[in-house]
């Protein structure tokens, strides 16, 4: 039996939750925000967690709307989607849909990122950023299919995901409207738990607040919030639920060979695999050896600096292999130029501008640049490190006879080097001479 104190706290929490809810006559700031009086059927992006479960019940209550729940499988480990569907139906959803989007995610999103060596802020391989435009695209498709006029998501007002999801929806179907209850309510976990208790909504893990906010898919996992927000402290051991701590990893290194065709990883240790399976198996190898832990302070597009701890074992291995092979088969000019485009590609993806035409333009270049990226790279995995140690390609711009210090002649004449050096350093030497003359004139008055 609940105590009087507990019941009172819940009532206060529920009252506060209602106080935070927008009124029906509130004027939308953006054209795609829903008019409460015009909402009839809502496609809810549903995870089965506390936020979206409270949203499912509250949207029915607040708008008198029917709910279609959509859950997207991007390779989240350990998720029981039958339980998620059952919970959505129990809470009143007229339909609950699970879409297995792992193959599309790998082929149309992760592979593009691999070809672009996409890492934001020199640290983040963009796994959440890559997943959001696909989730939003599927939401639009299923909203149309099920007759929904509105899409609801559980993003907060401090994160990037609200931008990624809403920008995609607005680009793909301007007629669809959006509601974001968590952002609009600014509610905390206590208010949500109070509402859940009153409405018989199961709270996963009880009422205790989870230590961190988690997101994951087959390309990586992020943890933020809680103790991670203390920049002066190292992440606690309980953060690492995916990757073995490097100090606990095996004492013996392991070599792994990743094979590529035109920039796409196609084989692991000589065995051809589908892309999803290859990423999953590569991730397993990386997890065992403590590979892919990133502790990063990140510049969000909403203006905040946020600390995240990432566990990205598959990305750490595949990106290292791809970049190494690409460097081998490309000219110095291609390698130097592409890095600037990679940064721009990563920013557009991170910022939710997946449907920006420039991103498609950059993709065209990435496809062209990856034409010769075929071959194998061997990497050594050891206690958190990933080191390319061998590589080979029929397109390699490497000739041992030219590179060897023991040989000369052919296309490379060492006798020509002095003339090359004189011409190559001409402007540098001239600039040095001019500056010395200016300094002498200044010192002599």
Protein backbone atom coordinates (compact mmCIF):
# COMPACT_ATOMS: atom_id res chain seq x y z
CA UNK A 1 0.00 0.00 0.00
CA UNK A 2 1.29 3.43 -0.87
CA UNK A 3 1.74 5.94 1.93
CA UNK A 4 -0.24 9.20 2.16
CA UNK A 5 3.01 11.03 1.56
CA UNK A 6 3.67 9.06 -1.64
CA UNK A 7 0.13 9.62 -2.94
CA UNK A 8 0.37 13.33 -2.18
CA UNK A 9 3.68 13.64 -4.01
CA UNK A 10 2.23 11.88 -7.03
CA UNK A 11 -0.78 14.20 -7.08
CA UNK A 12 1.49 17.22 -6.91
CA UNK A 13 3.65 15.80 -9.68
CA UNK A 14 0.60 15.14 -11.82
CA UNK A 15 -0.73 18.64 -11.20
CA UNK A 16 2.60 20.14 -12.14
CA UNK A 17 2.63 18.02 -15.30
CA UNK A 18 -0.77 19.44 -16.29
CA UNK A 19 0.45 22.97 -15.55
CA UNK A 20 3.30 22.43 -17.98
CA UNK A 21 1.07 21.21 -20.81
CA UNK A 22 0.44 23.68 -23.64
CA UNK A 23 -2.98 25.21 -23.95
CA UNK A 24 -5.10 24.54 -27.02
CA UNK A 25 -4.87 28.16 -28.17
CA UNK A 26 -1.06 28.34 -27.96
CA UNK A 27 0.40 29.77 -31.15
CA UNK A 28 2.95 27.54 -32.87
CA UNK A 29 6.40 29.01 -33.45
CA UNK A 30 7.12 26.86 -36.51
CA UNK A 31 4.77 26.08 -39.39
CA UNK A 32 5.07 22.32 -38.85
CA UNK A 33 4.06 22.41 -35.17
CA UNK A 34 0.68 20.84 -34.57
CA UNK A 35 -2.46 22.80 -33.79
CA UNK A 36 -3.92 20.89 -30.81
CA UNK A 37 -7.43 21.29 -32.18
CA UNK A 38 -6.47 19.66 -35.49
CA UNK A 39 -4.74 16.53 -34.16
CA UNK A 40 -6.72 13.35 -34.86
CA UNK A 41 -4.28 10.48 -35.34
CA UNK A 42 -0.64 10.53 -34.21
CA UNK A 43 2.31 8.43 -35.30
CA UNK A 44 4.39 8.12 -32.14
CA UNK A 45 8.06 7.18 -32.32
CA UNK A 46 7.95 4.67 -29.50
CA UNK A 47 10.84 3.07 -27.62
CA UNK A 48 8.92 1.48 -24.76
CA UNK A 49 10.71 3.60 -22.17
CA UNK A 50 9.21 5.98 -19.63
CA UNK A 51 9.17 9.12 -21.80
CA UNK A 52 7.40 7.64 -24.81
CA UNK A 53 5.06 5.52 -22.68
CA UNK A 54 3.87 8.58 -20.78
CA UNK A 55 3.56 10.39 -24.12
CA UNK A 56 1.43 7.60 -25.56
CA UNK A 57 -1.15 7.86 -22.79
CA UNK A 58 -1.01 11.64 -22.44
CA UNK A 59 -1.50 12.34 -26.17
CA UNK A 60 -4.69 10.27 -26.06
CA UNK A 61 -5.86 12.20 -23.02
CA UNK A 62 -4.78 15.67 -24.11
CA UNK A 63 -5.74 15.55 -27.79
CA UNK A 64 -8.33 12.79 -27.82
CA UNK A 65 -6.18 11.33 -30.59
CA UNK A 66 -5.63 7.82 -31.83
CA UNK A 67 -2.05 6.56 -31.56
CA UNK A 68 -0.03 4.45 -33.94
CA UNK A 69 3.25 3.42 -32.27
CA UNK A 70 6.33 2.95 -34.46
CA UNK A 71 9.52 1.30 -33.21
CA UNK A 72 12.58 1.09 -35.45
CA UNK A 73 15.21 -1.64 -35.09
CA UNK A 74 18.64 -0.23 -35.93
CA UNK A 75 20.51 -3.03 -34.20
CA UNK A 76 19.99 -1.99 -30.58
CA UNK A 77 21.49 -4.87 -28.55
CA UNK A 78 19.28 -6.76 -26.12
CA UNK A 79 15.96 -5.18 -27.14
CA UNK A 80 12.83 -7.37 -26.93
CA UNK A 81 10.54 -5.84 -29.53
CA UNK A 82 7.66 -8.19 -28.69
CA UNK A 83 7.58 -6.65 -25.22
CA UNK A 84 7.69 -3.14 -26.70
CA UNK A 85 4.75 -3.88 -29.02
CA UNK A 86 2.74 -5.47 -26.23
CA UNK A 87 3.28 -2.48 -23.96
CA UNK A 88 2.19 -0.03 -26.67
CA UNK A 89 -1.02 -1.97 -27.29
CA UNK A 90 -1.73 -2.25 -23.57
CA UNK A 91 -1.45 1.54 -23.30
CA UNK A 92 -4.07 2.04 -25.97
CA UNK A 93 -2.23 2.27 -29.29
CA UNK A 94 -4.53 1.28 -32.14
CA UNK A 95 -1.51 -0.23 -33.87
CA UNK A 96 2.09 -0.98 -32.92
CA UNK A 97 4.62 -1.41 -35.71
CA UNK A 98 8.22 -2.63 -35.56
CA UNK A 99 10.41 -2.02 -38.61
CA UNK A 100 13.65 -3.95 -39.01
CA UNK A 101 15.73 -1.23 -40.65
CA UNK A 102 19.17 -2.65 -39.95
CA UNK A 103 19.98 -3.40 -43.59
CA UNK A 104 18.80 -0.01 -44.83
CA UNK A 105 20.63 1.71 -42.00
CA UNK A 106 23.86 -0.10 -42.84
CA UNK A 107 23.63 0.34 -46.62
CA UNK A 108 22.18 3.81 -47.02
CA UNK A 109 23.57 5.58 -43.96
CA UNK A 110 26.52 3.85 -42.27
CA UNK A 111 28.18 2.93 -45.58
CA UNK A 112 28.00 6.55 -46.76
CA UNK A 113 29.68 7.56 -43.50
CA UNK A 114 32.40 4.95 -43.98
CA UNK A 115 33.18 6.24 -47.48
CA UNK A 116 33.34 9.75 -46.05
CA UNK A 117 35.48 8.69 -43.04
CA UNK A 118 32.82 10.61 -41.15
CA UNK A 119 33.75 11.65 -37.62
CA UNK A 120 32.39 14.81 -35.98
CA UNK A 121 34.70 16.83 -33.77
CA UNK A 122 37.56 14.37 -34.36
CA UNK A 123 35.81 11.87 -32.09
CA UNK A 124 32.15 11.02 -32.77
CA UNK A 125 31.38 8.51 -35.56
CA UNK A 126 27.81 9.86 -35.87
CA UNK A 127 25.88 6.67 -35.06
CA UNK A 128 22.90 8.46 -33.50
CA UNK A 129 23.08 11.25 -36.09
CA UNK A 130 22.97 8.65 -38.87
CA UNK A 131 19.99 6.85 -37.37
CA UNK A 132 17.68 9.82 -36.82
CA UNK A 133 16.99 10.78 -40.47
CA UNK A 134 16.15 7.14 -41.23
CA UNK A 135 13.82 6.93 -38.24
CA UNK A 136 12.13 10.17 -39.32
CA UNK A 137 11.84 8.95 -42.93
CA UNK A 138 10.16 5.74 -41.76
CA UNK A 139 7.87 7.81 -39.51
CA UNK A 140 6.75 9.85 -42.52
CA UNK A 141 6.15 6.73 -44.60
CA UNK A 142 4.11 4.99 -41.91
CA UNK A 143 2.24 8.16 -40.99
CA UNK A 144 1.04 8.40 -44.59
CA UNK A 145 0.26 4.68 -44.71
CA UNK A 146 -1.79 4.70 -41.49
CA UNK A 147 -3.60 8.00 -42.03
CA UNK A 148 -1.81 9.99 -39.34
CA UNK A 149 -1.79 13.78 -39.48
CA UNK A 150 0.87 14.28 -36.81
CA UNK A 151 4.18 12.73 -35.73
CA UNK A 152 5.27 12.78 -32.08
CA UNK A 153 8.78 12.22 -30.76
CA UNK A 154 10.40 12.21 -27.33
CA UNK A 155 13.37 14.50 -27.93
CA UNK A 156 14.30 17.22 -25.47
CA UNK A 157 14.90 20.88 -26.26
CA UNK A 158 18.61 20.66 -25.40
CA UNK A 159 19.62 17.97 -27.86
CA UNK A 160 20.42 17.58 -31.53
CA UNK A 161 17.84 14.86 -32.21
CA UNK A 162 14.91 17.27 -32.27
CA UNK A 163 16.59 19.07 -35.17
CA UNK A 164 17.43 15.87 -37.03
CA UNK A 165 13.94 14.42 -36.77
CA UNK A 166 11.91 17.57 -37.37
CA UNK A 167 14.12 18.77 -40.23
CA UNK A 168 13.64 15.44 -41.98
CA UNK A 169 9.87 15.40 -41.47
CA UNK A 170 9.52 18.98 -42.72
CA UNK A 171 11.65 18.20 -45.78
CA UNK A 172 9.86 14.98 -46.72
CA UNK A 173 6.25 15.97 -46.01
CA UNK A 174 5.51 19.60 -45.10
CA UNK A 175 1.83 18.70 -44.53
CA UNK A 176 2.61 16.50 -41.53
CA UNK A 177 2.66 18.23 -38.17
CA UNK A 178 4.90 17.55 -35.18
CA UNK A 179 4.44 17.48 -31.42
CA UNK A 180 7.31 17.08 -28.94
CA UNK A 181 5.78 16.74 -25.45
CA UNK A 182 9.06 16.28 -23.54
CA UNK A 183 10.43 19.52 -24.98
CA UNK A 184 7.21 21.44 -24.44
CA UNK A 185 6.59 20.23 -20.89
CA UNK A 186 10.20 20.54 -19.64
CA UNK A 187 9.17 17.81 -17.24
CA UNK A 188 11.47 15.79 -15.04
CA UNK A 189 11.47 12.12 -14.17
CA UNK A 190 9.51 12.66 -10.93
CA UNK A 191 6.56 14.15 -12.83
CA UNK A 192 6.69 11.39 -15.39
CA UNK A 193 6.79 8.67 -12.74
CA UNK A 194 3.84 10.26 -10.93
CA UNK A 195 1.82 10.31 -14.15
CA UNK A 196 2.84 6.74 -14.96
CA UNK A 197 1.75 5.47 -11.55
CA UNK A 198 -1.60 7.18 -11.74
CA UNK A 199 -2.30 5.74 -15.18
CA UNK A 200 -0.96 2.25 -14.58
CA UNK A 201 1.99 2.63 -16.93
CA UNK A 202 4.78 0.14 -16.11
CA UNK A 203 8.05 1.88 -15.31
CA UNK A 204 10.99 -0.11 -16.62
CA UNK A 205 13.48 -0.71 -13.84
CA UNK A 206 11.12 0.61 -11.16
CA UNK A 207 11.09 4.25 -10.13
CA UNK A 208 14.81 4.71 -9.61
CA UNK A 209 16.27 7.17 -12.11
CA UNK A 210 18.67 5.52 -14.57
CA UNK A 211 22.24 6.73 -14.05
CA UNK A 212 22.74 7.76 -17.69
CA UNK A 213 20.88 8.59 -20.87
CA UNK A 214 21.67 5.86 -23.41
CA UNK A 215 21.34 5.54 -27.17
CA UNK A 216 22.69 2.70 -29.27
CA UNK A 217 22.58 0.93 -32.61
CA UNK A 218 24.85 -1.36 -34.60
CA UNK A 219 27.36 1.47 -35.22
CA UNK A 220 27.84 2.49 -31.57
CA UNK A 221 26.51 3.48 -28.15
CA UNK A 222 26.45 6.78 -26.23
CA UNK A 223 26.10 7.55 -22.54
CA UNK A 224 25.53 11.03 -21.13
CA UNK A 225 24.11 12.75 -18.09
CA UNK A 226 24.49 11.82 -14.43
CA UNK A 227 28.05 11.56 -13.16
CA UNK A 228 29.39 11.96 -16.70
CA UNK A 229 28.52 15.68 -16.47
CA UNK A 230 31.34 16.17 -13.93
CA UNK A 231 34.22 17.08 -16.24
CA UNK A 232 36.71 16.73 -13.40
CA UNK A 233 36.06 13.03 -12.93
CA UNK A 234 36.86 10.03 -15.10
CA UNK A 235 33.85 7.99 -16.27
CA UNK A 236 32.75 5.41 -13.73
CA UNK A 237 33.06 1.73 -14.52
CA UNK A 238 29.28 1.36 -14.75
CA UNK A 239 29.27 3.53 -17.89
CA UNK A 240 30.87 0.79 -19.94
CA UNK A 241 28.14 -1.69 -20.75
CA UNK A 242 29.28 -2.48 -24.29
CA UNK A 243 33.08 -2.37 -24.48
CA UNK A 244 35.42 -4.22 -22.13
CA UNK A 245 37.58 -1.82 -20.17
CA UNK A 246 41.01 -1.83 -21.85
CA UNK A 247 42.76 -2.90 -18.65
CA UNK A 248 40.50 -5.96 -18.51
CA UNK A 249 40.94 -6.85 -22.19
CA UNK A 250 42.98 -9.91 -23.24
CA UNK A 251 46.74 -9.70 -22.68
CA UNK A 252 47.42 -11.02 -26.17
CA UNK A 253 46.75 -8.88 -29.27
CA UNK A 254 44.53 -10.12 -32.07
CA UNK A 255 44.96 -9.47 -35.78
CA UNK A 256 41.89 -8.91 -37.94
CA UNK A 257 41.73 -8.45 -41.73
CA UNK A 258 39.04 -6.23 -43.23
CA UNK A 259 38.43 -6.52 -46.96
CA UNK A 260 36.92 -3.71 -49.04
CA UNK A 261 35.44 -3.35 -52.50
CA UNK A 262 35.01 0.21 -53.77
CA UNK A 263 35.03 1.51 -50.21
CA UNK A 264 32.49 -0.99 -48.85
CA UNK A 265 33.66 -3.49 -46.22
CA UNK A 266 32.83 -6.95 -47.58
CA UNK A 267 35.00 -9.48 -45.75
CA UNK A 268 36.38 -10.25 -42.32
CA UNK A 269 39.48 -12.46 -42.11
CA UNK A 270 38.84 -13.60 -45.67
CA UNK A 271 35.18 -14.54 -45.12
CA UNK A 272 32.68 -12.59 -47.20
CA UNK A 273 29.81 -11.25 -45.11
CA UNK A 274 26.76 -9.06 -45.54
CA UNK A 275 27.31 -5.54 -44.26
CA UNK A 276 25.11 -5.87 -41.17
CA UNK A 277 26.76 -9.13 -40.09
CA UNK A 278 30.22 -7.73 -40.78
CA UNK A 279 29.56 -4.69 -38.61
CA UNK A 280 28.12 -6.86 -35.82
CA UNK A 281 31.06 -9.27 -35.86
CA UNK A 282 33.61 -6.47 -36.07
CA UNK A 283 31.90 -4.85 -33.11
CA UNK A 284 32.19 -8.09 -31.12
CA UNK A 285 35.94 -8.24 -31.79
CA UNK A 286 36.36 -4.62 -30.77
CA UNK A 287 34.31 -5.02 -27.59
CA UNK A 288 36.45 -7.94 -26.46
CA UNK A 289 39.66 -5.94 -26.87
CA UNK A 290 38.45 -2.69 -25.29
CA UNK A 291 38.44 -0.87 -28.62
CA UNK A 292 36.39 2.23 -29.38
CA UNK A 293 36.00 4.09 -26.07
CA UNK A 294 35.73 7.87 -26.64
CA UNK A 295 35.43 10.44 -23.83
CA UNK A 296 34.47 13.63 -25.63
CA UNK A 297 33.24 17.19 -24.95
CA UNK A 298 31.08 18.00 -27.94
CA UNK A 299 29.73 21.19 -29.50
CA UNK A 300 26.02 20.64 -30.05
CA UNK A 301 24.26 22.58 -32.76
CA UNK A 302 21.93 24.16 -30.17
CA UNK A 303 24.91 25.97 -28.65
CA UNK A 304 25.73 23.73 -25.70
CA UNK A 305 28.92 21.88 -24.89
CA UNK A 306 28.06 18.39 -23.67
CA UNK A 307 30.25 15.56 -22.46
CA UNK A 308 29.52 12.16 -23.99
CA UNK A 309 31.12 8.78 -23.51
CA UNK A 310 30.96 6.74 -26.70
CA UNK A 311 31.55 3.03 -27.20
CA UNK A 312 32.13 2.52 -30.90
CA UNK A 313 34.05 -0.74 -31.46
CA UNK A 314 32.84 -1.45 -35.01
CA UNK A 315 33.35 2.13 -36.15
CA UNK A 316 36.82 2.32 -34.61
CA UNK A 317 37.99 -0.73 -36.55
CA UNK A 318 36.24 -0.19 -39.88
CA UNK A 319 37.04 3.52 -40.17
CA UNK A 320 40.70 2.94 -39.30
CA UNK A 321 40.92 0.25 -41.97
CA UNK A 322 39.11 2.30 -44.59
CA UNK A 323 41.18 5.42 -44.07
CA UNK A 324 44.40 3.41 -44.23
CA UNK A 325 43.43 1.69 -47.48
CA UNK A 326 42.14 4.90 -49.02
CA UNK A 327 45.42 6.62 -48.25
CA UNK A 328 47.28 3.84 -50.05
CA UNK A 329 45.33 4.03 -53.31
CA UNK A 330 44.79 7.82 -53.54
CA UNK A 331 47.21 10.55 -54.53
CA UNK A 332 48.53 13.07 -52.03
CA UNK A 333 46.23 15.69 -53.55
CA UNK A 334 43.15 13.48 -53.24
CA UNK A 335 43.97 12.60 -49.64
CA UNK A 336 44.53 16.21 -48.60
CA UNK A 337 41.47 17.55 -50.42
CA UNK A 338 39.06 14.84 -49.26
CA UNK A 339 39.70 15.51 -45.57
CA UNK A 340 38.15 18.96 -45.85
CA UNK A 341 35.07 17.49 -47.53
CA UNK A 342 34.85 14.77 -44.87
CA UNK A 343 34.59 17.41 -42.14
CA UNK A 344 31.79 19.16 -44.02
CA UNK A 345 29.95 15.87 -44.62
CA UNK A 346 30.18 14.99 -40.94
CA UNK A 347 28.90 18.41 -39.90
CA UNK A 348 25.88 18.24 -42.22
CA UNK A 349 24.98 14.81 -40.87
CA UNK A 350 25.53 15.86 -37.25
CA UNK A 351 23.44 18.99 -37.71
CA UNK A 352 20.44 17.12 -39.06
CA UNK A 353 20.84 18.39 -42.62
CA UNK A 354 20.65 14.96 -44.23
CA UNK A 355 18.42 16.30 -47.02
CA UNK A 356 20.60 19.33 -47.70
CA UNK A 357 21.57 19.16 -51.43
CA UNK A 358 25.21 19.75 -50.52
CA UNK A 359 25.26 16.41 -48.67
CA UNK A 360 24.18 14.64 -51.86
CA UNK A 361 26.79 16.60 -53.83
CA UNK A 362 29.47 15.47 -51.40
CA UNK A 363 28.23 11.88 -51.64
CA UNK A 364 28.88 11.98 -55.37
CA UNK A 365 32.49 12.91 -54.72
CA UNK A 366 32.83 10.25 -52.00
CA UNK A 367 31.57 7.59 -54.42
CA UNK A 368 34.10 8.67 -57.04
CA UNK A 369 36.96 8.82 -54.54
CA UNK A 370 36.15 5.30 -53.33
CA UNK A 371 36.25 3.67 -56.77
CA UNK A 372 39.81 2.37 -56.24
CA UNK A 373 39.37 1.59 -52.51
CA UNK A 374 39.55 -2.16 -52.95
CA UNK A 375 41.89 -4.39 -50.97
CA UNK A 376 42.62 -5.59 -47.45
CA UNK A 377 43.92 -4.01 -44.27
CA UNK A 378 45.20 -5.98 -41.28
CA UNK A 379 44.77 -4.32 -37.91
CA UNK A 380 46.11 -5.20 -34.49
CA UNK A 381 43.62 -4.96 -31.64
CA UNK A 382 45.22 -4.66 -28.23
CA UNK A 383 43.86 -3.24 -24.97
CA UNK A 384 41.90 -0.39 -26.48
CA UNK A 385 44.11 0.36 -29.48
CA UNK A 386 43.48 -0.24 -33.18
CA UNK A 387 46.63 -0.18 -35.31
CA UNK A 388 46.83 -0.90 -39.05
CA UNK A 389 49.88 -3.14 -39.49
CA UNK A 390 49.58 -4.42 -43.07
CA UNK A 391 47.65 -3.54 -46.20
CA UNK A 392 47.43 -4.41 -49.85
CA UNK A 393 45.53 -3.39 -53.00
CA UNK A 394 45.88 -3.86 -56.73
CA UNK A 395 45.28 -0.11 -56.96
CA UNK A 396 48.07 0.79 -54.53
CA UNK A 397 50.15 3.80 -55.56
CA UNK A 398 53.17 2.10 -54.09
CA UNK A 399 56.11 0.57 -55.89
CA UNK A 400 58.60 -1.18 -53.66
CA UNK A 401 61.37 -0.80 -56.22
CA UNK A 402 60.83 2.97 -56.21
CA UNK A 403 60.36 3.26 -52.45
CA UNK A 404 63.38 1.13 -51.52
CA UNK A 405 66.49 2.97 -50.34
CA UNK A 406 68.55 0.20 -51.86
CA UNK A 407 67.55 0.88 -55.46
CA UNK A 408 67.61 3.83 -57.83
CA UNK A 409 66.76 4.67 -61.40
CA UNK A 410 63.63 4.07 -63.45
CA UNK A 411 60.91 6.65 -62.95
CA UNK A 412 62.68 8.10 -59.90
CA UNK A 413 66.10 9.61 -60.45
CA UNK A 414 67.90 10.65 -57.30
CA UNK A 415 70.18 12.81 -59.43
CA UNK A 416 67.19 15.05 -60.20
CA UNK A 417 66.54 15.80 -56.53
CA UNK A 418 68.82 18.86 -56.15
CA UNK A 419 67.05 20.67 -58.97
CA UNK A 420 63.67 19.76 -57.52
CA UNK A 421 64.69 21.05 -54.08
CA UNK A 422 65.93 24.34 -55.51
CA UNK A 423 62.67 25.00 -57.36
CA UNK A 424 60.42 23.64 -54.60
CA UNK A 425 61.95 25.95 -51.98
CA UNK A 426 62.35 29.00 -54.25
CA UNK A 427 59.59 31.15 -52.74
CA UNK A 428 60.49 30.13 -49.20
CA UNK A 429 64.10 31.22 -49.73
CA UNK A 430 63.03 34.46 -51.43
CA UNK A 431 60.66 35.31 -48.58
CA UNK A 432 63.39 34.66 -46.04
CA UNK A 433 65.78 36.95 -47.91
CA UNK A 434 63.24 39.78 -48.24
CA UNK A 435 62.31 39.62 -44.55
CA UNK A 436 65.98 39.68 -43.51
CA UNK A 437 66.53 42.77 -45.65
CA UNK A 438 63.52 44.50 -44.09
CA UNK A 439 64.75 43.65 -40.59
CA UNK A 440 68.23 45.02 -41.34
CA UNK A 441 66.79 48.25 -42.75
CA UNK A 442 64.60 48.63 -39.66
CA UNK A 443 67.51 48.05 -37.29
CA UNK A 444 69.74 50.54 -39.20
CA UNK A 445 67.07 53.24 -39.02
